Amino acid sequence: MEHPTRDKQAIQHLYNTILPALAEHIHQSIMPVLPLFDNFGLERVIDTWTKDPASDADTEVSVENGNVQQLGLKLRLEGFQKPGIETFDLAKDVIFKLEYTSYTVGPDKNNSWLEKPYLQRWEKPEYEEVASRWSEELIDDLTQRLEKLT
């Protein structure tokens, strides 16, 4: 069977279908943390500045050209609220690193929790696993910040 490769259709599928569904799962899994902060934002991001080392230097990085290397979700938690503790913000990403015939999902470029071929559907347990690992890391980040401040 011919494997789909990274192209405009594969990238749009991730951006328009997979990311919003994953964002929904992440939102659910971080609900307990949200009241600790004034404000939060969870948004989709596309990296259009990292060039594909294999491609022509003049080719613009874009969804249209099917050569985006990374996309993902960015969470911002703003204004941690607790009496006696200086307010702070937290940010955390989920990165989809787009290889030629598959992509990996993880908290940064070097760690991957999941690898999938393009256009393969995600099953519910996959969304849940990524969301829960991600929210565990977020809570670890938060705990470390608080330990430093107290």
N, C-alpha and C. Protein backbone atom coordinates (compact mmCIF):
# COMPACT_ATOMS: atom_id res chain seq x y z
N MET A 1 0.84 -1.21 0.00
CA MET A 1 0.00 0.00 0.00
C MET A 1 0.87 1.25 0.00
N GLU A 2 0.47 2.19 -0.80
CA GLU A 2 1.20 3.47 -0.88
C GLU A 2 0.96 4.28 0.40
N HIS A 3 2.06 4.66 1.06
CA HIS A 3 1.88 5.50 2.26
C HIS A 3 1.76 6.96 1.86
N PRO A 4 0.79 7.67 2.43
CA PRO A 4 0.73 9.11 2.13
C PRO A 4 1.96 9.79 2.69
N THR A 5 2.44 10.80 1.99
CA THR A 5 3.59 11.56 2.48
C THR A 5 3.12 12.92 2.95
N ARG A 6 4.04 13.65 3.56
CA ARG A 6 3.70 14.98 4.05
C ARG A 6 3.36 15.86 2.84
N ASP A 7 2.16 16.36 2.79
CA ASP A 7 1.76 17.26 1.72
C ASP A 7 0.68 18.19 2.26
N LYS A 8 0.17 19.03 1.39
CA LYS A 8 -0.83 20.01 1.80
C LYS A 8 -2.02 19.33 2.48
N GLN A 9 -2.52 18.25 1.88
CA GLN A 9 -3.71 17.57 2.42
C GLN A 9 -3.41 16.99 3.80
N ALA A 10 -2.25 16.35 3.95
CA ALA A 10 -1.89 15.73 5.24
C ALA A 10 -1.77 16.79 6.33
N ILE A 11 -1.15 17.92 5.99
CA ILE A 11 -0.95 18.99 6.97
C ILE A 11 -2.29 19.62 7.35
N GLN A 12 -3.14 19.85 6.35
CA GLN A 12 -4.46 20.43 6.65
C GLN A 12 -5.29 19.50 7.53
N HIS A 13 -5.18 18.20 7.27
CA HIS A 13 -5.90 17.22 8.08
C HIS A 13 -5.46 17.33 9.55
N LEU A 14 -4.15 17.41 9.77
CA LEU A 14 -3.66 17.53 11.15
C LEU A 14 -4.15 18.83 11.78
N TYR A 15 -4.04 19.92 11.03
CA TYR A 15 -4.36 21.24 11.57
C TYR A 15 -5.86 21.40 11.83
N ASN A 16 -6.66 20.92 10.90
CA ASN A 16 -8.11 21.17 10.98
C ASN A 16 -8.89 20.10 11.72
N THR A 17 -8.36 18.90 11.81
CA THR A 17 -9.10 17.78 12.41
C THR A 17 -8.46 17.29 13.70
N ILE A 18 -7.18 16.94 13.62
CA ILE A 18 -6.51 16.32 14.77
C ILE A 18 -6.24 17.33 15.88
N LEU A 19 -5.66 18.48 15.54
CA LEU A 19 -5.32 19.46 16.59
C LEU A 19 -6.54 19.92 17.39
N PRO A 20 -7.66 20.29 16.75
CA PRO A 20 -8.80 20.73 17.56
C PRO A 20 -9.31 19.62 18.49
N ALA A 21 -9.29 18.36 18.00
CA ALA A 21 -9.76 17.26 18.84
C ALA A 21 -8.79 17.05 20.00
N LEU A 22 -7.49 17.14 19.73
CA LEU A 22 -6.50 16.99 20.80
C LEU A 22 -6.63 18.14 21.80
N ALA A 23 -6.86 19.34 21.30
CA ALA A 23 -7.03 20.51 22.18
C ALA A 23 -8.20 20.29 23.13
N GLU A 24 -9.25 19.70 22.63
CA GLU A 24 -10.43 19.41 23.45
C GLU A 24 -10.07 18.46 24.60
N HIS A 25 -9.32 17.40 24.27
CA HIS A 25 -8.89 16.45 25.30
C HIS A 25 -7.95 17.10 26.31
N ILE A 26 -7.04 17.93 25.82
CA ILE A 26 -6.10 18.61 26.72
C ILE A 26 -6.87 19.56 27.64
N HIS A 27 -7.80 20.28 27.06
CA HIS A 27 -8.61 21.22 27.84
C HIS A 27 -9.30 20.48 28.99
N GLN A 28 -9.91 19.32 28.67
CA GLN A 28 -10.56 18.51 29.70
C GLN A 28 -9.57 18.10 30.78
N SER A 29 -8.37 17.68 30.36
CA SER A 29 -7.43 17.12 31.33
C SER A 29 -6.78 18.19 32.21
N ILE A 30 -6.82 19.45 31.78
CA ILE A 30 -6.20 20.50 32.62
C ILE A 30 -7.23 21.33 33.39
N MET A 31 -8.50 20.96 33.28
CA MET A 31 -9.56 21.68 33.98
C MET A 31 -9.23 21.97 35.45
N PRO A 32 -8.69 20.98 36.20
CA PRO A 32 -8.43 21.25 37.62
C PRO A 32 -7.40 22.36 37.85
N VAL A 33 -6.53 22.60 36.88
CA VAL A 33 -5.46 23.58 37.04
C VAL A 33 -5.94 24.99 36.68
N LEU A 34 -6.91 25.07 35.78
CA LEU A 34 -7.31 26.37 35.23
C LEU A 34 -7.75 27.40 36.27
N PRO A 35 -8.49 27.01 37.32
CA PRO A 35 -8.93 28.02 38.30
C PRO A 35 -7.78 28.68 39.07
N LEU A 36 -6.59 28.06 39.03
CA LEU A 36 -5.45 28.65 39.74
C LEU A 36 -4.90 29.88 39.02
N PHE A 37 -5.31 30.06 37.77
CA PHE A 37 -4.79 31.15 36.95
C PHE A 37 -5.90 32.12 36.58
N ASP A 38 -5.49 33.37 36.33
CA ASP A 38 -6.40 34.42 35.87
C ASP A 38 -6.98 34.12 34.51
N ASN A 39 -6.12 33.58 33.66
CA ASN A 39 -6.43 33.55 32.25
C ASN A 39 -5.71 32.38 31.60
N PHE A 40 -6.30 31.85 30.52
CA PHE A 40 -5.55 30.85 29.78
C PHE A 40 -5.89 30.93 28.31
N GLY A 41 -4.99 30.45 27.49
CA GLY A 41 -5.23 30.38 26.05
C GLY A 41 -4.63 29.10 25.53
N LEU A 42 -5.35 28.43 24.64
CA LEU A 42 -4.83 27.22 24.00
C LEU A 42 -5.05 27.43 22.52
N GLU A 43 -3.95 27.50 21.76
CA GLU A 43 -4.13 27.81 20.34
C GLU A 43 -3.29 26.90 19.47
N ARG A 44 -3.74 26.79 18.22
CA ARG A 44 -2.98 26.01 17.24
C ARG A 44 -1.89 26.90 16.66
N VAL A 45 -0.74 26.30 16.43
CA VAL A 45 0.36 27.05 15.82
C VAL A 45 0.95 26.24 14.67
N ILE A 46 1.39 26.96 13.65
CA ILE A 46 2.10 26.34 12.53
C ILE A 46 3.46 27.03 12.43
N ASP A 47 4.50 26.21 12.38
CA ASP A 47 5.85 26.75 12.26
C ASP A 47 6.14 26.94 10.77
N THR A 48 6.19 28.19 10.34
CA THR A 48 6.47 28.44 8.93
C THR A 48 7.85 29.06 8.75
N TRP A 49 8.71 28.88 9.76
CA TRP A 49 10.05 29.46 9.61
C TRP A 49 11.15 28.41 9.59
N THR A 50 10.84 27.16 10.04
CA THR A 50 11.87 26.12 10.00
C THR A 50 11.89 25.50 8.61
N LYS A 51 13.02 25.64 7.93
CA LYS A 51 13.15 25.12 6.57
C LYS A 51 13.43 23.62 6.58
N ASP A 52 12.93 22.94 5.59
CA ASP A 52 13.25 21.53 5.40
C ASP A 52 14.67 21.47 4.83
N PRO A 53 15.60 20.81 5.53
CA PRO A 53 16.98 20.77 5.04
C PRO A 53 17.08 20.16 3.64
N ALA A 54 16.11 19.29 3.31
CA ALA A 54 16.17 18.61 2.00
C ALA A 54 15.58 19.44 0.87
N SER A 55 14.91 20.55 1.22
CA SER A 55 14.22 21.27 0.14
C SER A 55 15.05 22.44 -0.37
N ASP A 56 14.59 22.96 -1.46
CA ASP A 56 15.21 24.11 -2.09
C ASP A 56 15.12 25.31 -1.15
N ALA A 57 16.22 25.99 -0.97
CA ALA A 57 16.28 27.12 -0.02
C ALA A 57 15.29 28.24 -0.37
N ASP A 58 14.94 28.34 -1.65
CA ASP A 58 14.04 29.42 -2.07
C ASP A 58 12.56 29.08 -1.88
N THR A 59 12.26 27.83 -1.61
CA THR A 59 10.86 27.44 -1.47
C THR A 59 10.32 27.93 -0.14
N GLU A 60 9.23 28.69 -0.21
CA GLU A 60 8.60 29.21 1.00
C GLU A 60 8.02 28.05 1.81
N VAL A 61 8.19 28.11 3.14
CA VAL A 61 7.59 27.09 4.00
C VAL A 61 6.12 27.46 4.21
N SER A 62 5.22 26.60 3.74
CA SER A 62 3.80 26.89 3.89
C SER A 62 2.99 25.61 3.80
N VAL A 63 1.75 25.69 4.28
CA VAL A 63 0.84 24.56 4.17
C VAL A 63 0.61 24.25 2.69
N GLU A 64 0.43 25.31 1.89
CA GLU A 64 0.20 25.15 0.45
C GLU A 64 1.31 24.32 -0.20
N ASN A 65 2.57 24.59 0.20
CA ASN A 65 3.70 23.88 -0.38
C ASN A 65 3.91 22.51 0.26
N GLY A 66 3.18 22.23 1.33
CA GLY A 66 3.27 20.91 1.95
C GLY A 66 4.61 20.63 2.59
N ASN A 67 5.33 21.69 2.99
CA ASN A 67 6.67 21.47 3.53
C ASN A 67 6.85 22.02 4.95
N VAL A 68 5.75 22.17 5.67
CA VAL A 68 5.84 22.60 7.06
C VAL A 68 6.49 21.49 7.88
N GLN A 69 7.41 21.85 8.76
CA GLN A 69 8.13 20.86 9.58
C GLN A 69 7.45 20.57 10.91
N GLN A 70 6.75 21.58 11.43
CA GLN A 70 6.14 21.42 12.74
C GLN A 70 4.85 22.18 12.86
N LEU A 71 3.91 21.59 13.58
CA LEU A 71 2.76 22.35 14.02
C LEU A 71 2.39 21.81 15.38
N GLY A 72 1.42 22.43 16.02
CA GLY A 72 1.09 21.93 17.35
C GLY A 72 0.13 22.85 18.08
N LEU A 73 0.15 22.69 19.40
CA LEU A 73 -0.70 23.49 20.28
C LEU A 73 0.18 24.21 21.28
N LYS A 74 -0.23 25.43 21.59
CA LYS A 74 0.50 26.23 22.57
C LYS A 74 -0.49 26.64 23.65
N LEU A 75 -0.15 26.31 24.89
CA LEU A 75 -0.99 26.69 26.02
C LEU A 75 -0.29 27.82 26.76
N ARG A 76 -1.05 28.84 27.13
CA ARG A 76 -0.55 29.90 28.01
C ARG A 76 -1.45 29.97 29.23
N LEU A 77 -0.85 29.83 30.39
CA LEU A 77 -1.58 30.04 31.64
C LEU A 77 -1.02 31.32 32.23
N GLU A 78 -1.88 32.29 32.48
CA GLU A 78 -1.40 33.61 32.91
C GLU A 78 -1.93 33.95 34.29
N GLY A 79 -1.04 34.55 35.10
CA GLY A 79 -1.45 35.10 36.39
C GLY A 79 -1.81 34.06 37.42
N PHE A 80 -0.83 33.24 37.81
CA PHE A 80 -1.07 32.28 38.89
C PHE A 80 -1.48 33.05 40.13
N GLN A 81 -2.54 32.58 40.80
CA GLN A 81 -3.12 33.30 41.94
C GLN A 81 -3.00 32.50 43.21
N LYS A 82 -2.17 32.97 44.09
CA LYS A 82 -2.17 32.36 45.41
C LYS A 82 -1.61 33.40 46.36
N PRO A 83 -2.31 33.68 47.47
CA PRO A 83 -1.83 34.69 48.39
C PRO A 83 -0.41 34.37 48.83
N GLY A 84 0.42 35.41 48.86
CA GLY A 84 1.78 35.23 49.36
C GLY A 84 2.75 34.70 48.32
N ILE A 85 2.27 34.44 47.10
CA ILE A 85 3.17 33.98 46.04
C ILE A 85 3.09 34.96 44.89
N GLU A 86 4.27 35.32 44.39
CA GLU A 86 4.31 36.25 43.26
C GLU A 86 3.63 35.59 42.05
N THR A 87 2.79 36.34 41.35
CA THR A 87 2.12 35.77 40.18
C THR A 87 3.13 35.39 39.11
N PHE A 88 2.82 34.36 38.36
CA PHE A 88 3.66 33.97 37.24
C PHE A 88 2.80 33.34 36.17
N ASP A 89 3.39 33.19 34.98
CA ASP A 89 2.71 32.58 33.85
C ASP A 89 3.41 31.26 33.53
N LEU A 90 2.72 30.37 32.90
CA LEU A 90 3.31 29.12 32.42
C LEU A 90 2.92 28.96 30.96
N ALA A 91 3.83 28.40 30.18
CA ALA A 91 3.51 28.09 28.79
C ALA A 91 3.93 26.66 28.52
N LYS A 92 3.21 25.98 27.67
CA LYS A 92 3.57 24.60 27.34
C LYS A 92 3.09 24.29 25.94
N ASP A 93 3.89 23.50 25.24
CA ASP A 93 3.57 23.16 23.86
C ASP A 93 3.36 21.67 23.68
N VAL A 94 2.61 21.35 22.66
CA VAL A 94 2.59 20.00 22.11
C VAL A 94 3.06 20.17 20.67
N ILE A 95 4.08 19.41 20.30
CA ILE A 95 4.65 19.59 18.97
C ILE A 95 4.44 18.35 18.10
N PHE A 96 3.94 18.60 16.91
CA PHE A 96 3.83 17.57 15.89
C PHE A 96 5.02 17.80 14.96
N LYS A 97 5.95 16.87 14.96
CA LYS A 97 7.13 16.99 14.11
C LYS A 97 6.85 16.19 12.84
N LEU A 98 6.81 16.89 11.72
CA LEU A 98 6.35 16.29 10.48
C LEU A 98 7.52 15.72 9.67
N GLU A 99 7.62 14.40 9.66
CA GLU A 99 8.63 13.74 8.86
C GLU A 99 8.04 13.51 7.47
N TYR A 100 8.75 12.73 6.66
CA TYR A 100 8.31 12.56 5.28
C TYR A 100 7.05 11.70 5.16
N THR A 101 7.00 10.56 5.85
CA THR A 101 5.84 9.68 5.71
C THR A 101 5.06 9.50 7.01
N SER A 102 5.56 10.11 8.08
CA SER A 102 4.86 9.98 9.36
C SER A 102 5.18 11.22 10.19
N TYR A 103 4.55 11.30 11.36
CA TYR A 103 4.84 12.42 12.25
C TYR A 103 4.88 11.90 13.68
N THR A 104 5.59 12.64 14.51
CA THR A 104 5.63 12.29 15.93
C THR A 104 4.97 13.40 16.72
N VAL A 105 4.48 13.04 17.90
CA VAL A 105 3.81 13.98 18.78
C VAL A 105 4.50 13.92 20.12
N GLY A 106 4.85 15.10 20.66
CA GLY A 106 5.51 15.12 21.96
C GLY A 106 5.56 16.52 22.52
N PRO A 107 6.21 16.69 23.68
CA PRO A 107 6.24 17.99 24.35
C PRO A 107 7.29 18.91 23.74
N ASP A 108 8.22 18.36 22.96
CA ASP A 108 9.25 19.17 22.30
C ASP A 108 9.81 18.36 21.14
N LYS A 109 10.82 18.92 20.46
CA LYS A 109 11.34 18.27 19.26
C LYS A 109 12.03 16.94 19.55
N ASN A 110 12.54 16.80 20.78
CA ASN A 110 13.40 15.64 21.06
C ASN A 110 12.69 14.49 21.76
N ASN A 111 11.47 14.71 22.21
CA ASN A 111 10.75 13.65 22.89
C ASN A 111 9.47 13.35 22.14
N SER A 112 9.22 12.08 21.96
CA SER A 112 8.01 11.72 21.23
C SER A 112 7.22 10.69 22.02
N TRP A 113 5.92 10.92 22.09
CA TRP A 113 5.02 10.01 22.79
C TRP A 113 4.29 9.10 21.83
N LEU A 114 4.25 9.49 20.58
CA LEU A 114 3.39 8.80 19.62
C LEU A 114 3.93 9.07 18.23
N GLU A 115 3.91 8.04 17.38
CA GLU A 115 4.25 8.25 15.97
C GLU A 115 3.11 7.69 15.13
N LYS A 116 2.71 8.44 14.12
CA LYS A 116 1.58 8.02 13.28
C LYS A 116 1.91 8.26 11.81
N PRO A 117 1.43 7.36 10.93
CA PRO A 117 1.49 7.67 9.51
C PRO A 117 0.45 8.75 9.18
N TYR A 118 0.69 9.52 8.14
CA TYR A 118 -0.26 10.57 7.76
C TYR A 118 -1.62 9.98 7.41
N LEU A 119 -2.64 10.78 7.73
CA LEU A 119 -4.04 10.48 7.40
C LEU A 119 -4.61 9.26 8.13
N GLN A 120 -3.83 8.66 9.04
CA GLN A 120 -4.42 7.58 9.84
C GLN A 120 -5.23 8.22 10.95
N ARG A 121 -6.43 7.65 11.21
CA ARG A 121 -7.24 8.28 12.26
C ARG A 121 -6.60 8.05 13.62
N TRP A 122 -6.93 8.96 14.51
CA TRP A 122 -6.53 8.80 15.90
C TRP A 122 -7.67 8.08 16.61
N GLU A 123 -7.33 7.14 17.46
CA GLU A 123 -8.33 6.50 18.29
C GLU A 123 -8.43 7.27 19.60
N LYS A 124 -9.57 7.14 20.26
CA LYS A 124 -9.79 7.88 21.50
C LYS A 124 -8.67 7.67 22.54
N PRO A 125 -8.21 6.41 22.75
CA PRO A 125 -7.14 6.22 23.74
C PRO A 125 -5.84 6.97 23.41
N GLU A 126 -5.58 7.19 22.12
CA GLU A 126 -4.38 7.93 21.73
C GLU A 126 -4.51 9.41 22.15
N TYR A 127 -5.67 9.99 21.88
CA TYR A 127 -5.91 11.36 22.33
C TYR A 127 -5.75 11.44 23.84
N GLU A 128 -6.36 10.47 24.52
CA GLU A 128 -6.35 10.51 25.99
C GLU A 128 -4.96 10.34 26.54
N GLU A 129 -4.16 9.46 25.92
CA GLU A 129 -2.81 9.23 26.41
C GLU A 129 -1.96 10.50 26.26
N VAL A 130 -2.02 11.11 25.07
CA VAL A 130 -1.23 12.33 24.84
C VAL A 130 -1.69 13.43 25.80
N ALA A 131 -2.99 13.60 25.93
CA ALA A 131 -3.52 14.65 26.81
C ALA A 131 -3.11 14.41 28.26
N SER A 132 -3.16 13.16 28.71
CA SER A 132 -2.85 12.94 30.12
C SER A 132 -1.35 13.06 30.39
N ARG A 133 -0.51 12.57 29.47
CA ARG A 133 0.93 12.74 29.67
C ARG A 133 1.29 14.21 29.68
N TRP A 134 0.65 14.95 28.79
CA TRP A 134 0.92 16.37 28.67
C TRP A 134 0.49 17.12 29.93
N SER A 135 -0.70 16.78 30.45
CA SER A 135 -1.16 17.49 31.63
C SER A 135 -0.36 17.07 32.87
N GLU A 136 0.12 15.82 32.91
CA GLU A 136 1.03 15.43 34.01
C GLU A 136 2.29 16.27 33.99
N GLU A 137 2.85 16.46 32.80
CA GLU A 137 4.05 17.30 32.69
C GLU A 137 3.75 18.74 33.11
N LEU A 138 2.59 19.22 32.70
CA LEU A 138 2.20 20.59 33.07
C LEU A 138 2.15 20.72 34.60
N ILE A 139 1.56 19.73 35.26
CA ILE A 139 1.45 19.78 36.72
C ILE A 139 2.83 19.68 37.36
N ASP A 140 3.72 18.86 36.78
CA ASP A 140 5.12 18.82 37.25
C ASP A 140 5.78 20.18 37.13
N ASP A 141 5.59 20.82 35.96
CA ASP A 141 6.17 22.16 35.73
C ASP A 141 5.67 23.13 36.80
N LEU A 142 4.37 23.08 37.03
CA LEU A 142 3.74 23.97 38.00
C LEU A 142 4.29 23.71 39.41
N THR A 143 4.39 22.43 39.77
CA THR A 143 4.91 22.05 41.09
C THR A 143 6.34 22.55 41.28
N GLN A 144 7.16 22.38 40.24
CA GLN A 144 8.55 22.85 40.32
C GLN A 144 8.61 24.36 40.50
N ARG A 145 7.79 25.06 39.74
CA ARG A 145 7.75 26.53 39.89
C ARG A 145 7.39 26.92 41.32
N LEU A 146 6.39 26.25 41.88
CA LEU A 146 5.93 26.58 43.23
C LEU A 146 6.97 26.24 44.28
N GLU A 147 7.69 25.13 44.08
CA GLU A 147 8.75 24.77 45.03
C GLU A 147 9.85 25.82 45.05
N LYS A 148 10.16 26.35 43.88
CA LYS A 148 11.19 27.39 43.81
C LYS A 148 10.75 28.66 44.52
N LEU A 149 9.46 28.95 44.46
CA LEU A 149 8.96 30.21 45.00
C LEU A 149 8.65 30.14 46.49
N THR A 150 8.50 28.95 47.04
CA THR A 150 8.09 28.87 48.45
C THR A 150 9.24 28.50 49.36
